[in-house]
C-alpha cells in the first residue's frame, strides 16, 4: 500500500519547489528519518531522490507519477476492505479540490453499505486466503471450497445423516450400468440462464477429461442427452460411488458467463474480488427463497475481522464450527521408515504439539490420546529424516522443529510456500513426513472419499491397492462403504502412517439483528440460512 505521506510531499513540492528546509516538519519526522523515508520511496519507484552532498550539490526530488491519482485509485481499488475510520484518514489528507467530493461520496456510499450497521443485511467473515480459481473442477484449495459452497450447487448432497440425496435433480434411476439423471425445472444460473442437460454434460465431461480429478472420474463413460432435463452417464460396474463423487464440491455445476467468469445456481454470486477479499452478493435468480443476508464480505485480514467483531456492534459468538484436521502423514511410497521408527517419531510429534503453545488455544482440539513415556528407546536411523512443515501453522511447526532438534535424530527440514505445495504432486517430493492440514468429513465413508478425492492425501495413498479397491468397488450399499472406510483408515492409523494432532475450529460472529447459524461441510457457513430478526 502507498504511504499516504507521499501526498503531503506532492503538495509540498507544489508550494515550495526544491526548498526542503521545512519538509521534515511537514511530514512530522526527524531529519534522519526523512532521509530514510525518501530513500525508501525512491526504491519503491514513487520518486527520484538525489541527496545533496556538501555545499555544492543540492538535494533534488522528482515525482515519478501523479501521486494524488495513484493514491485515489488505490483507495478505490481496496474500498471494500476499508472501514469508515480508514476512509476518514484518507479524507484529511491535502487532496486537490477535485478529489475531495469524490472521496466524500464514496464514504457516504460505504457508510450505507457498512456490514457493521445493526440493521444491515450484509455481514463480514474471515477467509484465510483468496482462492486461485473459483472453477470447482480445477480447485484444489479449501478456500475455494468455502466460497464455492455459497455459489455453486451439486446434483446430489448428503443430508444431516450423511445419506446421499438428490439436489438439483428431481430423481434418478439406474438402468443397467447407466445412471439416468432428471433435472429439476426452473433452475437458473446467476446470470439468468436456465440450467439444462447440456450444462451438466459439459461439467461431467470436464471432470473426466480436463479437471484436476480426472483419475477419479475414469469410471464414468459416455454421457447422453435426451432432452433439456434428462441425461444419462455410463458408470463402470454401476458403482454407487459415483453419487458420492457427484455430491462433492469439485463436481458442482457451473458455466461461464459472457465475460468468461464461472457462475453457479447457488444463493450467491461472486460480485468481485482482489488479492485480499471476496465479495458475494445475492443471486437474484435463485430458485428457492432469497437470502436475508444480501452481501458478504470475506476478508483475509484477521485483525480487521477481530476489530469488526469487537467494536462494530453488539453481537453474539455462536458455537464453534469445524474447519480442518491437522496431522502428520508419513510417506508410504518411499517406505524408508520402519514401524518402530514411525512409532518413536509419533511420540515426539505428540509430545511437541500437546505440550506446545498451540495446545493452549481453545479452538485447537487434541485429536489423539497421548501419555508421555518415561523412557523411550531411540531406534536406529541410518539417514536424516526429511520433514516438510506447514507455514500456515507456524506455532505447531516451531514446536515440532524445536522438539526434533533436541532429539538424537538427524532431521532435514523442508519448506515450500502454499502455492507451490498445492501445485506439486506429493509423489515427486523426496520427503518422508509432512505436517498436513486437510478439511474433510468426519464420518464414514465420506472421510475416506474426501481424502482420496479433493485432499493431498490421495497423491501418496490413492495409488495403493486397498485404496483403489475402495474407490473401484461396486458398493451394494452405504453400510458396506462405511465398513470398508473404517477398516482402511484404522489400518493406516494402527500402522502409524498417520498421527492425528488437532481438529481446528472457528467461531462465527453475527451482527445484532441477524440469527440462525447453519454449518455446512468443510467448515463453511450457510449464509443463506441466516435470518434477519424482525
Protein backbone atom coordinates (compact mmCIF):
# COMPACT_ATOMS: atom_id res chain seq x y z
CA UNK A 1 0.00 0.00 0.00
CA UNK A 2 1.18 3.52 -0.78
CA UNK A 3 2.40 5.68 2.07
CA UNK A 4 -0.23 8.43 2.46
CA UNK A 5 2.54 10.93 3.27
CA UNK A 6 3.51 10.91 -0.40
CA UNK A 7 0.50 13.14 -0.98
CA UNK A 8 1.88 15.60 1.58
CA UNK A 9 5.18 15.57 -0.33
CA UNK A 10 3.37 16.26 -3.61
CA UNK A 11 1.59 19.31 -2.14
CA UNK A 12 4.87 20.46 -0.55
CA UNK A 13 6.70 20.39 -3.88
CA UNK A 14 3.91 22.38 -5.49
CA UNK A 15 4.20 25.03 -2.77
CA UNK A 16 7.93 25.20 -2.01
CA UNK A 17 9.63 23.63 -5.02
CA UNK A 18 13.09 22.22 -4.21
CA UNK A 19 13.45 24.08 -0.90
CA UNK A 20 13.33 21.25 1.68
CA UNK A 21 14.05 23.23 4.86
CA UNK A 22 10.50 22.61 6.19
CA UNK A 23 9.84 19.16 4.74
CA UNK A 24 10.65 17.19 7.88
CA UNK A 25 8.23 19.37 9.87
CA UNK A 26 5.50 18.86 7.25
CA UNK A 27 5.95 15.09 7.44
CA UNK A 28 6.35 15.20 11.23
CA UNK A 29 9.65 13.27 11.22
CA UNK A 30 13.25 13.99 12.18
CA UNK A 31 15.90 14.86 9.59
CA UNK A 32 17.41 11.37 9.87
CA UNK A 33 14.01 9.73 9.48
CA UNK A 34 13.31 11.96 6.49
CA UNK A 35 16.36 10.66 4.63
CA UNK A 36 15.34 7.05 5.28
CA UNK A 37 11.77 7.69 4.12
CA UNK A 38 12.91 9.42 0.92
CA UNK A 39 15.32 6.60 0.09
CA UNK A 40 12.54 4.07 0.68
CA UNK A 41 10.15 5.93 -1.62
CA UNK A 42 12.90 6.09 -4.22
CA UNK A 43 13.42 2.30 -4.01
CA UNK A 44 9.67 1.75 -4.35
CA UNK A 45 9.64 3.83 -7.52
CA UNK A 46 7.39 6.69 -6.39
CA UNK A 47 10.09 9.38 -6.55
CA UNK A 48 13.61 10.06 -7.82
CA UNK A 49 15.66 11.14 -4.82
CA UNK A 50 19.14 12.67 -5.24
CA UNK A 51 20.55 13.53 -1.79
CA UNK A 52 22.78 16.59 -1.53
CA UNK A 53 26.48 16.27 -0.64
CA UNK A 54 28.38 19.14 0.94
CA UNK A 55 27.76 22.69 -0.17
CA UNK A 56 27.95 22.21 -3.90
CA UNK A 57 25.25 19.59 -4.57
CA UNK A 58 21.69 20.31 -3.51
CA UNK A 59 19.07 17.70 -2.72
CA UNK A 60 16.62 17.06 -5.54
CA UNK A 61 13.30 15.22 -5.50
CA UNK A 62 11.27 14.41 -8.59
CA UNK A 63 7.90 12.65 -8.58
CA UNK A 64 7.67 9.65 -10.90
CA UNK A 65 3.87 9.73 -11.05
CA UNK A 66 0.73 11.69 -10.22
CA UNK A 67 0.62 10.80 -6.52
CA UNK A 68 -2.94 12.05 -5.92
CA UNK A 69 -4.32 9.98 -8.79
CA UNK A 70 -2.39 6.84 -7.82
CA UNK A 71 -3.38 7.09 -4.17
CA UNK A 72 -7.03 7.71 -5.04
CA UNK A 73 -7.07 4.73 -7.43
CA UNK A 74 -5.53 2.50 -4.77
CA UNK A 75 -8.07 3.64 -2.17
CA UNK A 76 -10.91 2.97 -4.61
CA UNK A 77 -9.47 -0.44 -5.53
CA UNK A 78 -9.49 -1.61 -1.90
CA UNK A 79 -12.57 0.33 -0.81
CA UNK A 80 -14.45 -2.84 0.14
CA UNK A 81 -11.79 -3.67 2.72
CA UNK A 82 -11.62 -0.23 4.35
CA UNK A 83 -13.55 0.85 7.40
CA UNK A 84 -15.21 4.26 7.66
CA UNK A 85 -12.40 5.33 10.02
CA UNK A 86 -9.81 4.39 7.40
CA UNK A 87 -11.70 6.35 4.75
CA UNK A 88 -11.72 9.36 7.05
CA UNK A 89 -7.94 9.14 7.38
CA UNK A 90 -7.77 9.46 3.61
CA UNK A 91 -10.15 12.42 3.62
CA UNK A 92 -7.99 14.57 5.94
CA UNK A 93 -5.04 14.44 3.53
CA UNK A 94 -4.22 17.53 1.41
CA UNK A 95 -6.08 16.42 -1.72
CA UNK A 96 -6.59 18.63 -4.77
CA UNK A 97 -10.10 20.08 -4.66
CA UNK A 98 -11.43 17.85 -7.47
CA UNK A 99 -10.77 14.68 -5.42
CA UNK A 100 -12.41 15.68 -2.15
CA UNK A 101 -16.02 15.47 -3.31
CA UNK A 102 -15.42 12.03 -4.87
CA UNK A 103 -13.98 10.72 -1.61
CA UNK A 104 -16.92 12.11 0.37
CA UNK A 105 -19.37 10.36 -1.97
CA UNK A 106 -17.50 7.06 -1.53
CA UNK A 107 -17.66 7.44 2.26
CA UNK A 108 -21.39 8.15 2.12
CA UNK A 109 -21.94 5.09 -0.06
CA UNK A 110 -19.77 2.83 2.11
CA UNK A 111 -21.48 4.05 5.26
CA UNK A 112 -24.76 2.92 3.73
CA UNK A 113 -23.19 -0.43 2.79
CA UNK A 114 -21.33 -0.91 6.08
CA UNK A 115 -21.86 -4.52 7.21
CA UNK A 116 -21.42 -3.38 10.80
CA UNK A 117 -24.66 -1.46 10.78
CA UNK A 118 -27.03 -3.08 13.24
CA UNK A 119 -29.92 -3.34 10.78
CA UNK A 120 -27.77 -4.16 7.79
CA UNK A 121 -28.37 -7.15 5.53
CA UNK A 122 -24.64 -7.50 4.91
CA UNK A 123 -22.01 -9.14 7.06
CA UNK A 124 -18.28 -9.74 7.20
CA UNK A 125 -16.45 -13.01 7.78
CA UNK A 126 -12.91 -14.35 7.67
CA UNK A 127 -11.40 -16.18 4.69
CA UNK A 128 -7.82 -17.35 5.20
CA UNK A 129 -6.87 -16.65 1.57
CA UNK A 130 -8.43 -15.60 -1.72
CA UNK A 131 -8.73 -18.66 -4.00
CA UNK A 132 -6.51 -19.07 -7.04
CA UNK A 133 -9.59 -20.16 -9.01
CA UNK A 134 -13.33 -20.32 -8.45
CA UNK A 135 -13.86 -23.11 -11.02
CA UNK A 136 -14.92 -26.16 -8.96
CA UNK A 137 -13.36 -28.82 -11.20
CA UNK A 138 -9.98 -27.04 -11.13
CA UNK A 139 -9.95 -26.22 -7.43
CA UNK A 140 -7.54 -27.88 -5.01
CA UNK A 141 -7.90 -25.29 -2.24
CA UNK A 142 -10.02 -25.25 0.88
CA UNK A 143 -10.61 -21.52 0.35
CA UNK A 144 -12.31 -22.07 -3.00
CA UNK A 145 -14.50 -24.73 -1.40
CA UNK A 146 -15.62 -22.27 1.30
CA UNK A 147 -16.62 -19.77 -1.41
CA UNK A 148 -17.92 -22.37 -3.84
CA UNK A 149 -20.43 -23.80 -1.37
CA UNK A 150 -22.19 -20.41 -1.45
CA UNK A 151 -22.08 -20.02 -5.23
CA UNK A 152 -22.32 -23.47 -6.83
CA UNK A 153 -24.63 -26.42 -6.27
CA UNK A 154 -24.25 -30.14 -6.91
CA UNK A 155 -26.55 -32.75 -8.39
CA UNK A 156 -26.53 -34.62 -5.07
CA UNK A 157 -25.98 -33.65 -1.46
CA UNK A 158 -25.56 -35.51 1.80
CA UNK A 159 -28.28 -34.88 4.36
CA UNK A 160 -27.85 -34.45 8.12
CA UNK A 161 -27.44 -38.22 8.43
CA UNK A 162 -24.79 -38.19 5.67
CA UNK A 163 -27.07 -40.10 3.31
CA UNK A 164 -26.96 -39.20 -0.40
CA UNK A 165 -29.99 -37.23 -1.57
CA UNK A 166 -30.86 -35.61 -4.91
CA UNK A 167 -30.47 -31.82 -5.00
CA UNK A 168 -30.50 -30.28 -8.48
CA UNK A 169 -32.25 -33.48 -9.57
CA UNK A 170 -35.94 -34.37 -9.31
CA UNK A 171 -34.96 -38.03 -9.22
CA UNK A 172 -32.52 -40.54 -10.68
CA UNK A 173 -32.61 -44.21 -11.63
CA UNK A 174 -30.28 -46.98 -12.68
CA UNK A 175 -30.88 -48.73 -15.98
CA UNK A 176 -28.20 -51.37 -16.05
CA UNK A 177 -24.83 -49.58 -15.96
CA UNK A 178 -26.41 -46.25 -16.91
CA UNK A 179 -27.32 -43.68 -14.27
CA UNK A 180 -30.21 -41.57 -15.57
CA UNK A 181 -30.48 -38.05 -14.19
CA UNK A 182 -33.69 -35.99 -14.31
CA UNK A 183 -33.07 -32.31 -13.52
CA UNK A 184 -35.44 -30.02 -11.67
CA UNK A 185 -37.06 -27.49 -13.97
CA UNK A 186 -36.79 -23.73 -13.50
CA UNK A 187 -33.28 -23.69 -12.00
CA UNK A 188 -31.39 -20.55 -13.08
CA UNK A 189 -27.76 -19.54 -13.06
CA UNK A 190 -26.92 -16.18 -11.51
CA UNK A 191 -26.84 -14.57 -14.98
CA UNK A 192 -30.44 -15.66 -15.61
CA UNK A 193 -29.81 -18.57 -17.98
CA UNK A 194 -31.77 -21.74 -17.31
CA UNK A 195 -29.91 -24.87 -16.22
CA UNK A 196 -30.33 -27.73 -18.69
CA UNK A 197 -28.80 -31.11 -19.53
CA UNK A 198 -26.10 -29.65 -21.78
CA UNK A 199 -24.60 -27.69 -18.85
CA UNK A 200 -24.43 -30.86 -16.76
CA UNK A 201 -22.96 -32.85 -19.66
CA UNK A 202 -20.22 -30.24 -20.11
CA UNK A 203 -19.30 -30.38 -16.40
CA UNK A 204 -19.26 -34.19 -16.33
CA UNK A 205 -17.02 -34.38 -19.39
CA UNK A 206 -14.76 -31.69 -17.94
CA UNK A 207 -14.42 -33.71 -14.73
CA UNK A 208 -13.36 -36.77 -16.71
CA UNK A 209 -11.09 -35.14 -19.29
CA UNK A 210 -9.85 -31.71 -18.17
CA UNK A 211 -10.16 -31.35 -14.40
CA UNK A 212 -7.61 -31.97 -11.66
CA UNK A 213 -9.71 -35.01 -10.69
CA UNK A 214 -9.63 -36.91 -13.98
CA UNK A 215 -8.24 -40.08 -12.37
CA UNK A 216 -11.25 -40.37 -10.08
CA UNK A 217 -13.77 -39.95 -12.89
CA UNK A 218 -12.40 -42.61 -15.21
CA UNK A 219 -15.17 -44.95 -14.05
CA UNK A 220 -17.53 -42.65 -15.96
CA UNK A 221 -18.20 -43.43 -19.61
CA UNK A 222 -20.30 -41.78 -22.27
CA UNK A 223 -22.77 -39.03 -21.34
CA UNK A 224 -26.01 -38.90 -23.35
CA UNK A 225 -28.54 -36.06 -23.50
CA UNK A 226 -32.18 -36.99 -24.15
CA UNK A 227 -33.84 -33.61 -23.61
CA UNK A 228 -33.36 -30.39 -21.64
CA UNK A 229 -33.89 -32.09 -18.28
CA UNK A 230 -32.90 -35.71 -18.90
CA UNK A 231 -29.42 -37.16 -19.44
CA UNK A 232 -27.55 -40.32 -18.54
CA UNK A 233 -23.99 -41.42 -17.91
CA UNK A 234 -22.46 -44.84 -18.16
CA UNK A 235 -20.78 -45.91 -14.89
CA UNK A 236 -18.33 -48.79 -14.73
CA UNK A 237 -19.83 -51.67 -12.70
CA UNK A 238 -22.73 -49.36 -11.80
CA UNK A 239 -20.65 -48.15 -8.86
CA UNK A 240 -22.67 -46.29 -6.26
CA UNK A 241 -19.50 -44.30 -5.53
CA UNK A 242 -20.44 -42.12 -8.50
CA UNK A 243 -23.22 -40.49 -6.49
CA UNK A 244 -20.77 -39.75 -3.68
CA UNK A 245 -18.38 -38.13 -6.17
CA UNK A 246 -21.17 -36.05 -7.70
CA UNK A 247 -22.08 -34.74 -4.23
CA UNK A 248 -18.57 -33.37 -3.70
CA UNK A 249 -17.81 -29.63 -4.19
CA UNK A 250 -15.44 -30.43 -7.08
CA UNK A 251 -18.49 -31.75 -9.04
CA UNK A 252 -20.56 -28.58 -8.65
CA UNK A 253 -22.44 -27.45 -11.74
CA UNK A 254 -21.22 -24.23 -13.33
CA UNK A 255 -20.99 -22.45 -16.63
CA UNK A 256 -19.16 -19.38 -17.91
CA UNK A 257 -20.98 -16.08 -18.38
CA UNK A 258 -20.41 -13.73 -21.31
CA UNK A 259 -17.35 -12.30 -19.55
CA UNK A 260 -15.77 -15.72 -19.10
CA UNK A 261 -16.44 -15.89 -15.35
CA UNK A 262 -17.76 -19.09 -13.73
CA UNK A 263 -21.31 -18.73 -12.42
CA UNK A 264 -23.48 -21.14 -10.47
CA UNK A 265 -27.05 -21.71 -9.35
CA UNK A 266 -26.45 -21.11 -5.62
CA UNK A 267 -27.88 -18.35 -3.43
CA UNK A 268 -24.87 -16.08 -4.02
CA UNK A 269 -22.59 -14.98 -6.82
CA UNK A 270 -19.04 -13.62 -6.76
CA UNK A 271 -19.57 -9.89 -7.16
CA UNK A 272 -15.89 -9.01 -7.19
CA UNK A 273 -12.60 -9.95 -5.60
CA UNK A 274 -8.99 -8.90 -5.30
CA UNK A 275 -5.92 -10.30 -3.60
CA UNK A 276 -7.31 -9.54 -0.14
CA UNK A 277 -11.07 -10.05 -0.22
CA UNK A 278 -14.03 -11.68 -1.94
CA UNK A 279 -17.45 -10.04 -2.03
CA UNK A 280 -20.52 -12.19 -2.55
CA UNK A 281 -23.91 -10.76 -3.38
CA UNK A 282 -27.29 -12.47 -3.66
CA UNK A 283 -28.20 -14.35 -6.79
CA UNK A 284 -31.49 -12.65 -7.65
CA UNK A 285 -32.30 -15.57 -9.94
CA UNK A 286 -32.01 -18.11 -7.13
CA UNK A 287 -34.81 -20.65 -7.45
CA UNK A 288 -35.54 -21.03 -3.75
CA UNK A 289 -36.01 -18.40 -1.04
CA UNK A 290 -33.73 -15.40 -1.47
CA UNK A 291 -31.32 -14.96 1.46
CA UNK A 292 -31.83 -12.26 4.08
CA UNK A 293 -28.10 -11.51 4.05
CA UNK A 294 -27.65 -9.80 0.70
CA UNK A 295 -23.93 -9.16 0.71
CA UNK A 296 -21.00 -10.98 2.31
CA UNK A 297 -17.51 -9.50 2.70
CA UNK A 298 -14.96 -12.32 3.03
CA UNK A 299 -11.75 -10.69 4.26
CA UNK A 300 -8.26 -12.16 4.65
CA UNK A 301 -7.24 -9.52 7.22
CA UNK A 302 -7.66 -11.22 10.62
CA UNK A 303 -7.08 -8.06 12.64
CA UNK A 304 -9.78 -6.23 10.70
CA UNK A 305 -12.22 -9.08 11.32
CA UNK A 306 -11.39 -9.06 15.04
CA UNK A 307 -11.91 -5.30 15.22
CA UNK A 308 -15.20 -5.66 13.36
CA UNK A 309 -16.35 -8.33 15.78
CA UNK A 310 -15.19 -6.44 18.86
CA UNK A 311 -16.20 -2.86 18.17
CA UNK A 312 -18.71 -2.59 15.38
CA UNK A 313 -21.83 -3.61 17.26
CA UNK A 314 -23.20 -5.80 19.96
CA UNK A 315 -23.33 -9.40 18.86
CA UNK A 316 -23.01 -12.98 19.96
CA UNK A 317 -20.41 -15.67 19.38
CA UNK A 318 -22.10 -18.83 18.21
CA UNK A 319 -20.81 -22.35 18.84
CA UNK A 320 -17.54 -23.17 17.14
CA UNK A 321 -17.66 -24.94 13.79
CA UNK A 322 -15.15 -27.43 12.40
CA UNK A 323 -12.54 -26.09 9.96
CA UNK A 324 -9.92 -28.78 9.33
CA UNK A 325 -7.77 -31.56 10.71
CA UNK A 326 -4.05 -31.10 11.34
CA UNK A 327 -1.99 -34.28 11.23
CA UNK A 328 1.35 -35.83 10.43
CA UNK A 329 1.43 -38.04 7.34
CA UNK A 330 4.22 -40.49 6.57
CA UNK A 331 5.24 -41.23 3.01
CA UNK A 332 4.09 -44.81 2.20
CA UNK A 333 5.85 -44.89 -1.16
CA UNK A 334 9.45 -44.42 -0.09
CA UNK A 335 8.97 -46.94 2.73
CA UNK A 336 12.19 -45.79 4.42
CA UNK A 337 10.81 -45.72 7.95
CA UNK A 338 10.01 -48.86 9.91
CA UNK A 339 7.04 -49.27 12.21
CA UNK A 340 9.35 -48.78 15.22
CA UNK A 341 10.79 -45.58 13.74
CA UNK A 342 7.35 -44.18 12.92
CA UNK A 343 6.09 -45.06 16.41
CA UNK A 344 9.04 -43.28 18.02
CA UNK A 345 8.51 -40.21 15.86
CA UNK A 346 4.82 -40.26 16.73
CA UNK A 347 5.70 -39.88 20.41
CA UNK A 348 7.95 -36.94 19.60
CA UNK A 349 5.31 -35.23 17.46
CA UNK A 350 2.61 -35.61 20.10
CA UNK A 351 4.96 -34.51 22.86
CA UNK A 352 5.94 -31.43 20.84
CA UNK A 353 2.45 -30.33 19.94
CA UNK A 354 0.45 -31.29 23.02
CA UNK A 355 2.93 -29.52 25.26
CA UNK A 356 3.43 -26.62 22.87
CA UNK A 357 1.80 -23.22 22.61
CA UNK A 358 -0.96 -24.32 20.22
CA UNK A 359 -2.50 -26.68 22.78
CA UNK A 360 -3.40 -23.62 24.89
CA UNK A 361 -5.69 -22.33 22.14
CA UNK A 362 -9.23 -23.50 22.86
CA UNK A 363 -10.08 -23.67 19.16
CA UNK A 364 -7.50 -26.44 18.64
CA UNK A 365 -8.86 -29.72 20.00
CA UNK A 366 -6.43 -32.59 20.59
CA UNK A 367 -7.17 -35.47 18.23
CA UNK A 368 -5.06 -38.31 19.69
CA UNK A 369 -4.55 -39.76 23.14
CA UNK A 370 -1.02 -39.13 24.41
CA UNK A 371 0.67 -40.42 27.53
CA UNK A 372 4.32 -39.35 27.91
CA UNK A 373 6.56 -42.38 28.28
CA UNK A 374 9.19 -42.25 31.00
CA UNK A 375 11.73 -43.86 28.77
CA UNK A 376 11.76 -44.26 25.00
CA UNK A 377 14.43 -46.31 23.29
CA UNK A 378 15.55 -44.49 20.18
CA UNK A 379 15.57 -46.80 17.16
CA UNK A 380 18.49 -46.54 14.79
CA UNK A 381 18.15 -44.06 11.92
CA UNK A 382 20.73 -44.56 9.17
CA UNK A 383 19.74 -41.40 7.31
CA UNK A 384 18.34 -37.93 8.06
CA UNK A 385 14.54 -37.69 8.22
CA UNK A 386 13.15 -35.27 5.64
CA UNK A 387 10.21 -33.39 7.14
CA UNK A 388 8.07 -30.78 5.38
CA UNK A 389 6.42 -28.27 7.72
CA UNK A 390 3.33 -26.16 7.09
CA UNK A 391 3.90 -22.39 7.14
CA UNK A 392 0.20 -21.82 7.78
CA UNK A 393 0.63 -23.40 11.21
CA UNK A 394 3.77 -21.60 12.40
CA UNK A 395 3.36 -22.32 16.11
CA UNK A 396 2.88 -26.07 15.53
CA UNK A 397 5.78 -26.14 13.08
CA UNK A 398 8.03 -24.35 15.53
CA UNK A 399 7.09 -26.72 18.39
CA UNK A 400 7.94 -29.72 16.20
CA UNK A 401 11.16 -28.18 14.94
CA UNK A 402 12.28 -27.40 18.48
CA UNK A 403 11.46 -30.89 19.80
CA UNK A 404 13.16 -32.74 16.95
CA UNK A 405 16.22 -30.51 17.15
CA UNK A 406 16.58 -31.56 20.79
CA UNK A 407 16.37 -35.26 19.91
CA UNK A 408 19.09 -37.66 18.77
CA UNK A 409 17.62 -37.83 15.27
CA UNK A 410 19.14 -36.04 12.32
CA UNK A 411 16.35 -34.11 10.60
CA UNK A 412 16.34 -32.17 7.35
CA UNK A 413 13.52 -29.59 7.38
CA UNK A 414 11.92 -28.84 4.01
CA UNK A 415 9.89 -25.70 3.38
CA UNK A 416 7.61 -24.86 0.47
CA UNK A 417 5.16 -21.99 0.02
CA UNK A 418 1.46 -22.82 -0.15
CA UNK A 419 1.04 -22.23 -3.89
CA UNK A 420 3.98 -24.43 -4.79
CA UNK A 421 2.82 -27.11 -2.35
CA UNK A 422 -0.68 -27.21 -3.83
CA UNK A 423 0.66 -27.36 -7.38
CA UNK A 424 3.21 -30.11 -6.64
CA UNK A 425 2.27 -33.79 -6.75
CA UNK A 426 3.49 -35.33 -3.50
CA UNK A 427 4.76 -38.38 -5.39
CA UNK A 428 7.50 -36.17 -6.86
CA UNK A 429 8.72 -34.95 -3.46
CA UNK A 430 11.71 -36.51 -1.73
CA UNK A 431 10.31 -36.21 1.80
CA UNK A 432 9.46 -38.78 4.46
CA UNK A 433 6.93 -36.85 6.53
CA UNK A 434 4.58 -33.90 6.01
CA UNK A 435 2.69 -31.75 8.51
CA UNK A 436 -0.70 -31.59 6.79
CA UNK A 437 -3.89 -29.62 7.09
CA UNK A 438 -6.97 -31.01 5.34
CA UNK A 439 -10.69 -30.34 5.60
CA UNK A 440 -12.87 -33.41 5.25
CA UNK A 441 -15.96 -35.16 6.56
CA UNK A 442 -15.57 -36.80 9.95
CA UNK A 443 -18.00 -39.67 9.27
CA UNK A 444 -17.58 -42.77 7.10
CA UNK A 445 -17.45 -43.42 4.19
CA UNK A 446 -17.23 -39.70 3.43
CA UNK A 447 -13.98 -39.32 5.32
CA UNK A 448 -12.03 -41.69 3.07
CA UNK A 449 -13.83 -40.47 -0.05
CA UNK A 450 -12.77 -36.91 0.75
CA UNK A 451 -9.19 -37.93 1.48
CA UNK A 452 -8.98 -39.80 -1.82
CA UNK A 453 -10.66 -37.14 -3.95
CA UNK A 454 -10.02 -33.48 -3.09
CA UNK A 455 -7.26 -33.84 -0.45
CA UNK A 456 -3.48 -34.01 -0.98
CA UNK A 457 -3.61 -37.31 0.93
CA UNK A 458 -4.65 -39.02 -2.33
CA UNK A 459 -1.34 -38.25 -4.05
CA UNK A 460 0.55 -40.54 -1.67
CA UNK A 461 -2.18 -43.04 -0.83
CA UNK A 462 -4.61 -43.06 -3.78
CA UNK A 463 -2.49 -45.50 -5.79
CA UNK A 464 -2.29 -48.15 -3.07
CA UNK A 465 -4.22 -51.31 -3.91
CA UNK A 466 -6.58 -51.13 -0.93
CA UNK A 467 -7.45 -47.53 -1.84
CA UNK A 468 -8.09 -48.37 -5.48
CA UNK A 469 -10.18 -51.29 -4.31
CA UNK A 470 -12.29 -48.98 -2.16
CA UNK A 471 -12.87 -46.45 -4.93
CA UNK A 472 -13.47 -49.15 -7.54
CA UNK A 473 -15.79 -51.48 -5.69
CA UNK A 474 -19.44 -51.62 -6.70
CA UNK A 475 -20.82 -50.93 -3.25
CA UNK A 476 -24.02 -52.79 -2.56
CA UNK A 477 -24.99 -50.16 0.00
CA UNK A 478 -23.61 -47.33 2.10
CA UNK A 479 -23.10 -49.62 5.09
CA UNK A 480 -20.60 -51.68 3.11
CA UNK A 481 -18.75 -48.49 2.10
CA UNK A 482 -18.72 -47.27 5.73
CA UNK A 483 -17.29 -50.55 6.99
CA UNK A 484 -14.53 -50.60 4.39
CA UNK A 485 -13.65 -46.94 5.02
CA UNK A 486 -13.33 -47.54 8.76
CA UNK A 487 -11.24 -50.65 8.21
CA UNK A 488 -8.77 -48.94 5.87
CA UNK A 489 -8.29 -45.83 7.99
CA UNK A 490 -7.93 -47.89 11.17
CA UNK A 491 -5.17 -49.88 9.47
CA UNK A 492 -3.34 -46.69 8.47
CA UNK A 493 -3.69 -45.34 11.99
CA UNK A 494 -2.59 -48.57 13.70
CA UNK A 495 0.37 -48.85 11.34
CA UNK A 496 1.37 -45.29 12.33
CA UNK A 497 1.28 -43.84 8.85
CA UNK A 498 -0.84 -41.01 10.20
CA UNK A 499 -0.58 -39.10 13.51
CA UNK A 500 -3.66 -37.04 14.34
CA UNK A 501 -2.71 -33.80 16.13
CA UNK A 502 -5.59 -31.32 16.24
CA UNK A 503 -9.03 -30.55 14.93
CA UNK A 504 -9.23 -26.82 14.28
CA UNK A 505 -12.47 -24.96 14.94
CA UNK A 506 -13.50 -21.37 14.45
CA UNK A 507 -16.10 -19.02 15.87
CA UNK A 508 -18.66 -17.26 13.72
CA UNK A 509 -19.86 -13.82 14.71
CA UNK A 510 -23.26 -12.45 13.77
CA UNK A 511 -24.28 -8.79 13.92
CA UNK A 512 -27.16 -7.80 16.13
CA UNK A 513 -30.34 -8.25 14.13
CA UNK A 514 -29.19 -11.47 12.45
CA UNK A 515 -29.61 -15.02 13.76
CA UNK A 516 -29.53 -18.69 12.80
CA UNK A 517 -26.17 -20.27 12.02
CA UNK A 518 -26.25 -23.44 9.93
CA UNK A 519 -22.95 -25.26 9.49
CA UNK A 520 -22.12 -26.71 6.10
CA UNK A 521 -19.42 -29.23 5.27
CA UNK A 522 -15.71 -28.31 5.40
CA UNK A 523 -16.15 -25.50 7.93
CA UNK A 524 -18.38 -23.38 5.70
CA UNK A 525 -21.33 -21.35 6.96
CA UNK A 526 -24.63 -21.42 5.10
CA UNK A 527 -25.03 -17.65 4.90
CA UNK A 528 -28.30 -18.03 3.01
CA UNK A 529 -29.87 -19.58 6.12
CA UNK A 530 -29.13 -16.53 8.30
CA UNK A 531 -32.32 -14.72 9.22
CA UNK A 532 -32.84 -11.02 9.81
CA UNK A 533 -34.67 -10.75 13.13
CA UNK A 534 -37.93 -8.85 12.92
